[in-house]
Structures are given as structure tokens and as C-alpha cells.
Amino acid sequence: MVASLDQARSAKAEAVKEFSRFGEVVGVGIVKLDDGYGLKVNLKQLADDDASLPQSVWGVPTRCEIVGAIRKL
């Protein structure tokens, strides 16, 4: 799957909706991949450890990381 920067930007809001089903989304960013762009979704925690997370949103590849709570330093 190859996604342009504009496609990745357009898919960010939808990624928040999609990944919110699996846990609290604390951030979504755009990442450069070998052949285009993707989204990195940061979750506070997974609601279900056996959940099957989406591999893409609107054709844009996604990567997910469990990062815990985001707080001010």
C-alpha cells in the first residue's frame, strides 16, 4: 500500500474514530515509510489484549503503539 502525504493527512481523523474502539487514543502522527506515508497511532492502553487492530485506514497503512498516559513534564 502506498499513500501520499495528503492521503495520510486526510485519514488522521478517521484513524482516531477507528482506533477509539480499541482504547483511548492519545496521539496520531504521520510517519514516512519506504514507499510513501502512514499513520502512527498511540494508545494509552488496549481495552482487549486479543483485539485485531486495523492495518490501514482509508488505504493508509497504520502502526500502533501502546504508550501509556501522556502527561506534562
PDB file of N, CA and C in Angstrom:
ATOM      1  N   MET A   1       0.826  -1.177   0.000  1.00  0.00           N
ATOM      2  CA  MET A   1       0.000   0.000   0.000  1.00  0.00           C
ATOM      3  C   MET A   1       0.876   1.249   0.000  1.00  0.00           C
ATOM      4  N   VAL A   2       0.647   2.121  -0.910  1.00  0.00           N
ATOM      5  CA  VAL A   2       1.374   3.379  -0.976  1.00  0.00           C
ATOM      6  C   VAL A   2       0.380   4.513  -0.759  1.00  0.00           C
ATOM      7  N   ALA A   3       0.676   5.377   0.198  1.00  0.00           N
ATOM      8  CA  ALA A   3      -0.201   6.512   0.479  1.00  0.00           C
ATOM      9  C   ALA A   3       0.601   7.792   0.371  1.00  0.00           C
ATOM     10  N   SER A   4      -0.047   8.808  -0.171  1.00  0.00           N
ATOM     11  CA  SER A   4       0.600  10.116  -0.279  1.00  0.00           C
ATOM     12  C   SER A   4       0.471  10.851   1.052  1.00  0.00           C
ATOM     13  N   LEU A   5       1.192  11.936   1.170  1.00  0.00           N
ATOM     14  CA  LEU A   5       1.120  12.763   2.366  1.00  0.00           C
ATOM     15  C   LEU A   5      -0.298  13.319   2.552  1.00  0.00           C
ATOM     16  N   ASP A   6      -0.928  13.743   1.466  1.00  0.00           N
ATOM     17  CA  ASP A   6      -2.292  14.267   1.549  1.00  0.00           C
ATOM     18  C   ASP A   6      -3.278  13.187   2.001  1.00  0.00           C
ATOM     19  N   GLN A   7      -3.103  11.967   1.517  1.00  0.00           N
ATOM     20  CA  GLN A   7      -3.970  10.868   1.940  1.00  0.00           C
ATOM     21  C   GLN A   7      -3.798  10.593   3.435  1.00  0.00           C
ATOM     22  N   ALA A   8      -2.565  10.614   3.901  1.00  0.00           N
ATOM     23  CA  ALA A   8      -2.302  10.380   5.323  1.00  0.00           C
ATOM     24  C   ALA A   8      -2.929  11.487   6.164  1.00  0.00           C
ATOM     25  N   ARG A   9      -2.796  12.710   5.734  1.00  0.00           N
ATOM     26  CA  ARG A   9      -3.411  13.834   6.471  1.00  0.00           C
ATOM     27  C   ARG A   9      -4.933  13.671   6.545  1.00  0.00           C
ATOM     28  N   SER A  10      -5.530  13.287   5.434  1.00  0.00           N
ATOM     29  CA  SER A  10      -6.980  13.140   5.368  1.00  0.00           C
ATOM     30  C   SER A  10      -7.491  11.991   6.246  1.00  0.00           C
ATOM     31  N   ALA A  11      -6.676  10.980   6.472  1.00  0.00           N
ATOM     32  CA  ALA A  11      -7.103   9.792   7.217  1.00  0.00           C
ATOM     33  C   ALA A  11      -6.916   9.916   8.726  1.00  0.00           C
ATOM     34  N   LYS A  12      -6.250  10.968   9.198  1.00  0.00           N
ATOM     35  CA  LYS A  12      -5.965  11.089  10.637  1.00  0.00           C
ATOM     36  C   LYS A  12      -7.225  11.089  11.497  1.00  0.00           C
ATOM     37  N   ALA A  13      -8.211  11.890  11.162  1.00  0.00           N
ATOM     38  CA  ALA A  13      -9.436  11.959  11.973  1.00  0.00           C
ATOM     39  C   ALA A  13     -10.167  10.623  11.968  1.00  0.00           C
ATOM     40  N   GLU A  14     -10.195   9.956  10.831  1.00  0.00           N
ATOM     41  CA  GLU A  14     -10.851   8.651  10.751  1.00  0.00           C
ATOM     42  C   GLU A  14     -10.088   7.614  11.587  1.00  0.00           C
ATOM     43  N   ALA A  15      -8.763   7.725  11.625  1.00  0.00           N
ATOM     44  CA  ALA A  15      -7.963   6.800  12.441  1.00  0.00           C
ATOM     45  C   ALA A  15      -8.310   6.942  13.922  1.00  0.00           C
ATOM     46  N   VAL A  16      -8.531   8.172  14.370  1.00  0.00           N
ATOM     47  CA  VAL A  16      -8.932   8.385  15.770  1.00  0.00           C
ATOM     48  C   VAL A  16     -10.242   7.647  16.038  1.00  0.00           C
ATOM     49  N   LYS A  17     -11.215   7.777  15.138  1.00  0.00           N
ATOM     50  CA  LYS A  17     -12.501   7.097  15.300  1.00  0.00           C
ATOM     51  C   LYS A  17     -12.326   5.579  15.322  1.00  0.00           C
ATOM     52  N   GLU A  18     -11.577   5.057  14.342  1.00  0.00           N
ATOM     53  CA  GLU A  18     -11.395   3.611  14.226  1.00  0.00           C
ATOM     54  C   GLU A  18     -10.684   3.019  15.449  1.00  0.00           C
ATOM     55  N   PHE A  19      -9.596   3.654  15.875  1.00  0.00           N
ATOM     56  CA  PHE A  19      -8.794   3.099  16.964  1.00  0.00           C
ATOM     57  C   PHE A  19      -9.405   3.362  18.336  1.00  0.00           C
ATOM     58  N   SER A  20     -10.328   4.306  18.438  1.00  0.00           N
ATOM     59  CA  SER A  20     -11.003   4.565  19.713  1.00  0.00           C
ATOM     60  C   SER A  20     -11.815   3.360  20.173  1.00  0.00           C
ATOM     61  N   ARG A  21     -12.171   2.486  19.265  1.00  0.00           N
ATOM     62  CA  ARG A  21     -12.888   1.257  19.629  1.00  0.00           C
ATOM     63  C   ARG A  21     -12.001   0.306  20.437  1.00  0.00           C
ATOM     64  N   PHE A  22     -10.686   0.487  20.351  1.00  0.00           N
ATOM     65  CA  PHE A  22      -9.742  -0.440  20.977  1.00  0.00           C
ATOM     66  C   PHE A  22      -9.077   0.115  22.231  1.00  0.00           C
ATOM     67  N   GLY A  23      -9.250   1.387  22.488  1.00  0.00           N
ATOM     68  CA  GLY A  23      -8.636   2.021  23.651  1.00  0.00           C
ATOM     69  C   GLY A  23      -8.596   3.530  23.460  1.00  0.00           C
ATOM     70  N   GLU A  24      -8.094   4.224  24.474  1.00  0.00           N
ATOM     71  CA  GLU A  24      -8.013   5.687  24.412  1.00  0.00           C
ATOM     72  C   GLU A  24      -6.855   6.117  23.516  1.00  0.00           C
ATOM     73  N   VAL A  25      -7.183   6.850  22.457  1.00  0.00           N
ATOM     74  CA  VAL A  25      -6.167   7.359  21.532  1.00  0.00           C
ATOM     75  C   VAL A  25      -5.561   8.613  22.157  1.00  0.00           C
ATOM     76  N   VAL A  26      -4.234   8.620  22.325  1.00  0.00           N
ATOM     77  CA  VAL A  26      -3.563   9.783  22.904  1.00  0.00           C
ATOM     78  C   VAL A  26      -2.761  10.559  21.866  1.00  0.00           C
ATOM     79  N   GLY A  27      -2.689  10.051  20.645  1.00  0.00           N
ATOM     80  CA  GLY A  27      -2.000  10.774  19.591  1.00  0.00           C
ATOM     81  C   GLY A  27      -2.029  10.031  18.271  1.00  0.00           C
ATOM     82  N   VAL A  28      -2.033  10.786  17.174  1.00  0.00           N
ATOM     83  CA  VAL A  28      -1.939  10.221  15.823  1.00  0.00           C
ATOM     84  C   VAL A  28      -0.976  11.103  15.048  1.00  0.00           C
ATOM     85  N   GLY A  29       0.036  10.479  14.479  1.00  0.00           N
ATOM     86  CA  GLY A  29       1.014  11.223  13.696  1.00  0.00           C
ATOM     87  C   GLY A  29       1.226  10.598  12.341  1.00  0.00           C
ATOM     88  N   ILE A  30       1.860  11.343  11.470  1.00  0.00           N
ATOM     89  CA  ILE A  30       2.192  10.858  10.129  1.00  0.00           C
ATOM     90  C   ILE A  30       3.643  10.401  10.145  1.00  0.00           C
ATOM     91  N   VAL A  31       3.879   9.212   9.584  1.00  0.00           N
ATOM     92  CA  VAL A  31       5.235   8.671   9.527  1.00  0.00           C
ATOM     93  C   VAL A  31       5.619   8.405   8.076  1.00  0.00           C
ATOM     94  N   LYS A  32       6.881   8.591   7.771  1.00  0.00           N
ATOM     95  CA  LYS A  32       7.419   8.301   6.443  1.00  0.00           C
ATOM     96  C   LYS A  32       7.749   6.819   6.386  1.00  0.00           C
ATOM     97  N   LEU A  33       7.240   6.159   5.371  1.00  0.00           N
ATOM     98  CA  LEU A  33       7.539   4.751   5.133  1.00  0.00           C
ATOM     99  C   LEU A  33       8.433   4.644   3.909  1.00  0.00           C
ATOM    100  N   ASP A  34       8.918   3.454   3.617  1.00  0.00           N
ATOM    101  CA  ASP A  34       9.804   3.268   2.464  1.00  0.00           C
ATOM    102  C   ASP A  34       9.220   3.803   1.170  1.00  0.00           C
ATOM    103  N   ASP A  35       7.922   3.573   0.976  1.00  0.00           N
ATOM    104  CA  ASP A  35       7.323   3.904  -0.314  1.00  0.00           C
ATOM    105  C   ASP A  35       6.181   4.916  -0.218  1.00  0.00           C
ATOM    106  N   GLY A  36       6.129   5.678   0.844  1.00  0.00           N
ATOM    107  CA  GLY A  36       5.063   6.661   0.990  1.00  0.00           C
ATOM    108  C   GLY A  36       4.906   7.079   2.439  1.00  0.00           C
ATOM    109  N   TYR A  37       3.664   7.241   2.862  1.00  0.00           N
ATOM    110  CA  TYR A  37       3.372   7.703   4.214  1.00  0.00           C
ATOM    111  C   TYR A  37       2.374   6.782   4.895  1.00  0.00           C
ATOM    112  N   GLY A  38       2.389   6.810   6.212  1.00  0.00           N
ATOM    113  CA  GLY A  38       1.459   6.041   7.010  1.00  0.00           C
ATOM    114  C   GLY A  38       1.110   6.824   8.257  1.00  0.00           C
ATOM    115  N   LEU A  39       0.302   6.205   9.116  1.00  0.00           N
ATOM    116  CA  LEU A  39      -0.102   6.820  10.372  1.00  0.00           C
ATOM    117  C   LEU A  39       0.418   6.001  11.535  1.00  0.00           C
ATOM    118  N   LYS A  40       0.892   6.683  12.559  1.00  0.00           N
ATOM    119  CA  LYS A  40       1.272   6.035  13.812  1.00  0.00           C
ATOM    120  C   LYS A  40       0.246   6.468  14.846  1.00  0.00           C
ATOM    121  N   VAL A  41      -0.438   5.476  15.397  1.00  0.00           N
ATOM    122  CA  VAL A  41      -1.486   5.732  16.375  1.00  0.00           C
ATOM    123  C   VAL A  41      -0.956   5.339  17.751  1.00  0.00           C
ATOM    124  N   ASN A  42      -1.011   6.256  18.693  1.00  0.00           N
ATOM    125  CA  ASN A  42      -0.586   5.992  20.074  1.00  0.00           C
ATOM    126  C   ASN A  42      -1.817   5.783  20.939  1.00  0.00           C
ATOM    127  N   LEU A  43      -1.858   4.631  21.617  1.00  0.00           N
ATOM    128  CA  LEU A  43      -2.953   4.314  22.521  1.00  0.00           C
ATOM    129  C   LEU A  43      -2.454   4.332  23.952  1.00  0.00           C
ATOM    130  N   LYS A  44      -3.322   4.757  24.875  1.00  0.00           N
ATOM    131  CA  LYS A  44      -2.984   4.722  26.293  1.00  0.00           C
ATOM    132  C   LYS A  44      -2.843   3.269  26.745  1.00  0.00           C
ATOM    133  N   GLN A  45      -3.821   2.454  26.369  1.00  0.00           N
ATOM    134  CA  GLN A  45      -3.771   1.012  26.627  1.00  0.00           C
ATOM    135  C   GLN A  45      -4.817   0.355  25.757  1.00  0.00           C
ATOM    136  N   LEU A  46      -4.686  -0.952  25.571  1.00  0.00           N
ATOM    137  CA  LEU A  46      -5.677  -1.702  24.824  1.00  0.00           C
ATOM    138  C   LEU A  46      -6.801  -2.128  25.748  1.00  0.00           C
ATOM    139  N   ALA A  47      -8.038  -1.992  25.281  1.00  0.00           N
ATOM    140  CA  ALA A  47      -9.174  -2.456  26.070  1.00  0.00           C
ATOM    141  C   ALA A  47      -9.221  -3.980  26.090  1.00  0.00           C
ATOM    142  N   ASP A  48      -8.751  -4.609  25.013  1.00  0.00           N
ATOM    143  CA  ASP A  48      -8.758  -6.065  24.891  1.00  0.00           C
ATOM    144  C   ASP A  48      -7.432  -6.499  24.267  1.00  0.00           C
ATOM    145  N   ASP A  49      -6.654  -7.283  25.001  1.00  0.00           N
ATOM    146  CA  ASP A  49      -5.338  -7.707  24.501  1.00  0.00           C
ATOM    147  C   ASP A  49      -5.423  -8.570  23.247  1.00  0.00           C
ATOM    148  N   ASP A  50      -6.575  -9.181  22.996  1.00  0.00           N
ATOM    149  CA  ASP A  50      -6.745 -10.050  21.827  1.00  0.00           C
ATOM    150  C   ASP A  50      -7.336  -9.310  20.630  1.00  0.00           C
ATOM    151  N   ALA A  51      -7.453  -8.005  20.731  1.00  0.00           N
ATOM    152  CA  ALA A  51      -8.067  -7.205  19.659  1.00  0.00           C
ATOM    153  C   ALA A  51      -7.216  -7.274  18.391  1.00  0.00           C
ATOM    154  N   SER A  52      -7.883  -7.310  17.271  1.00  0.00           N
ATOM    155  CA  SER A  52      -7.222  -7.278  15.970  1.00  0.00           C
ATOM    156  C   SER A  52      -7.301  -5.841  15.444  1.00  0.00           C
ATOM    157  N   LEU A  53      -6.201  -5.134  15.521  1.00  0.00           N
ATOM    158  CA  LEU A  53      -6.162  -3.716  15.144  1.00  0.00           C
ATOM    159  C   LEU A  53      -6.140  -3.549  13.632  1.00  0.00           C
ATOM    160  N   PRO A  54      -6.740  -2.480  13.129  1.00  0.00           N
ATOM    161  CA  PRO A  54      -6.725  -2.221  11.685  1.00  0.00           C
ATOM    162  C   PRO A  54      -5.291  -2.034  11.166  1.00  0.00           C
ATOM    163  N   GLN A  55      -5.020  -2.585  10.017  1.00  0.00           N
ATOM    164  CA  GLN A  55      -3.708  -2.434   9.382  1.00  0.00           C
ATOM    165  C   GLN A  55      -3.656  -1.198   8.494  1.00  0.00           C
ATOM    166  N   SER A  56      -4.839  -0.651   8.192  1.00  0.00           N
ATOM    167  CA  SER A  56      -4.897   0.566   7.372  1.00  0.00           C
ATOM    168  C   SER A  56      -6.212   1.282   7.637  1.00  0.00           C
ATOM    169  N   VAL A  57      -6.222   2.562   7.317  1.00  0.00           N
ATOM    170  CA  VAL A  57      -7.422   3.396   7.391  1.00  0.00           C
ATOM    171  C   VAL A  57      -7.487   4.167   6.079  1.00  0.00           C
ATOM    172  N   TRP A  58      -8.581   3.993   5.360  1.00  0.00           N
ATOM    173  CA  TRP A  58      -8.765   4.628   4.051  1.00  0.00           C
ATOM    174  C   TRP A  58      -7.592   4.357   3.112  1.00  0.00           C
ATOM    175  N   GLY A  59      -7.013   3.170   3.215  1.00  0.00           N
ATOM    176  CA  GLY A  59      -5.894   2.803   2.357  1.00  0.00           C
ATOM    177  C   GLY A  59      -4.537   3.294   2.827  1.00  0.00           C
ATOM    178  N   VAL A  60      -4.493   3.955   3.976  1.00  0.00           N
ATOM    179  CA  VAL A  60      -3.232   4.457   4.539  1.00  0.00           C
ATOM    180  C   VAL A  60      -2.763   3.451   5.595  1.00  0.00           C
ATOM    181  N   PRO A  61      -1.548   2.914   5.458  1.00  0.00           N
ATOM    182  CA  PRO A  61      -1.053   1.947   6.439  1.00  0.00           C
ATOM    183  C   PRO A  61      -0.968   2.553   7.841  1.00  0.00           C
ATOM    184  N   THR A  62      -1.263   1.738   8.850  1.00  0.00           N
ATOM    185  CA  THR A  62      -1.210   2.210  10.231  1.00  0.00           C
ATOM    186  C   THR A  62      -0.265   1.345  11.054  1.00  0.00           C
ATOM    187  N   ARG A  63       0.359   1.981  12.021  1.00  0.00           N
ATOM    188  CA  ARG A  63       1.176   1.316  13.034  1.00  0.00           C
ATOM    189  C   ARG A  63       0.633   1.784  14.372  1.00  0.00           C
ATOM    190  N   CYS A  64       0.572   0.892  15.328  1.00  0.00           N
ATOM    191  CA  CYS A  64       0.017   1.250  16.625  1.00  0.00           C
ATOM    192  C   CYS A  64       1.034   0.948  17.716  1.00  0.00           C
ATOM    193  N   GLU A  65       1.106   1.836  18.691  1.00  0.00           N
ATOM    194  CA  GLU A  65       1.996   1.637  19.837  1.00  0.00           C
ATOM    195  C   GLU A  65       1.230   1.972  21.109  1.00  0.00           C
ATOM    196  N   ILE A  66       1.383   1.126  22.118  1.00  0.00           N
ATOM    197  CA  ILE A  66       0.792   1.394  23.421  1.00  0.00           C
ATOM    198  C   ILE A  66       1.812   2.220  24.196  1.00  0.00           C
ATOM    199  N   VAL A  67       1.467   3.478  24.497  1.00  0.00           N
ATOM    200  CA  VAL A  67       2.441   4.409  25.083  1.00  0.00           C
ATOM    201  C   VAL A  67       2.104   4.807  26.506  1.00  0.00           C
ATOM    202  N   GLY A  68       0.928   4.443  26.986  1.00  0.00           N
ATOM    203  CA  GLY A  68       0.528   4.851  28.332  1.00  0.00           C
ATOM    204  C   GLY A  68      -0.012   6.267  28.308  1.00  0.00           C
ATOM    205  N   ALA A  69      -0.189   6.818  29.482  1.00  0.00           N
ATOM    206  CA  ALA A  69      -0.744   8.161  29.611  1.00  0.00           C
ATOM    207  C   ALA A  69       0.283   9.204  29.181  1.00  0.00           C
ATOM    208  N   ILE A  70      -0.189  10.236  28.527  1.00  0.00           N
ATOM    209  CA  ILE A  70       0.656  11.368  28.146  1.00  0.00           C
ATOM    210  C   ILE A  70       0.465  12.438  29.223  1.00  0.00           C
ATOM    211  N   ARG A  71       1.570  12.929  29.763  1.00  0.00           N
ATOM    212  CA  ARG A  71       1.466  13.952  30.807  1.00  0.00           C
ATOM    213  C   ARG A  71       2.565  14.987  30.627  1.00  0.00           C
ATOM    214  N   LYS A  72       2.313  16.137  31.196  1.00  0.00           N
ATOM    215  CA  LYS A  72       3.269  17.242  31.156  1.00  0.00           C
ATOM    216  C   LYS A  72       4.471  16.909  32.025  1.00  0.00           C
ATOM    217  N   LEU A  73       5.650  17.277  31.581  1.00  0.00           N
ATOM    218  CA  LEU A  73       6.864  17.057  32.374  1.00  0.00           C
ATOM    219  C   LEU A  73       7.090  18.177  33.344  1.00  0.00           C
TER     220      LEU A  73
END
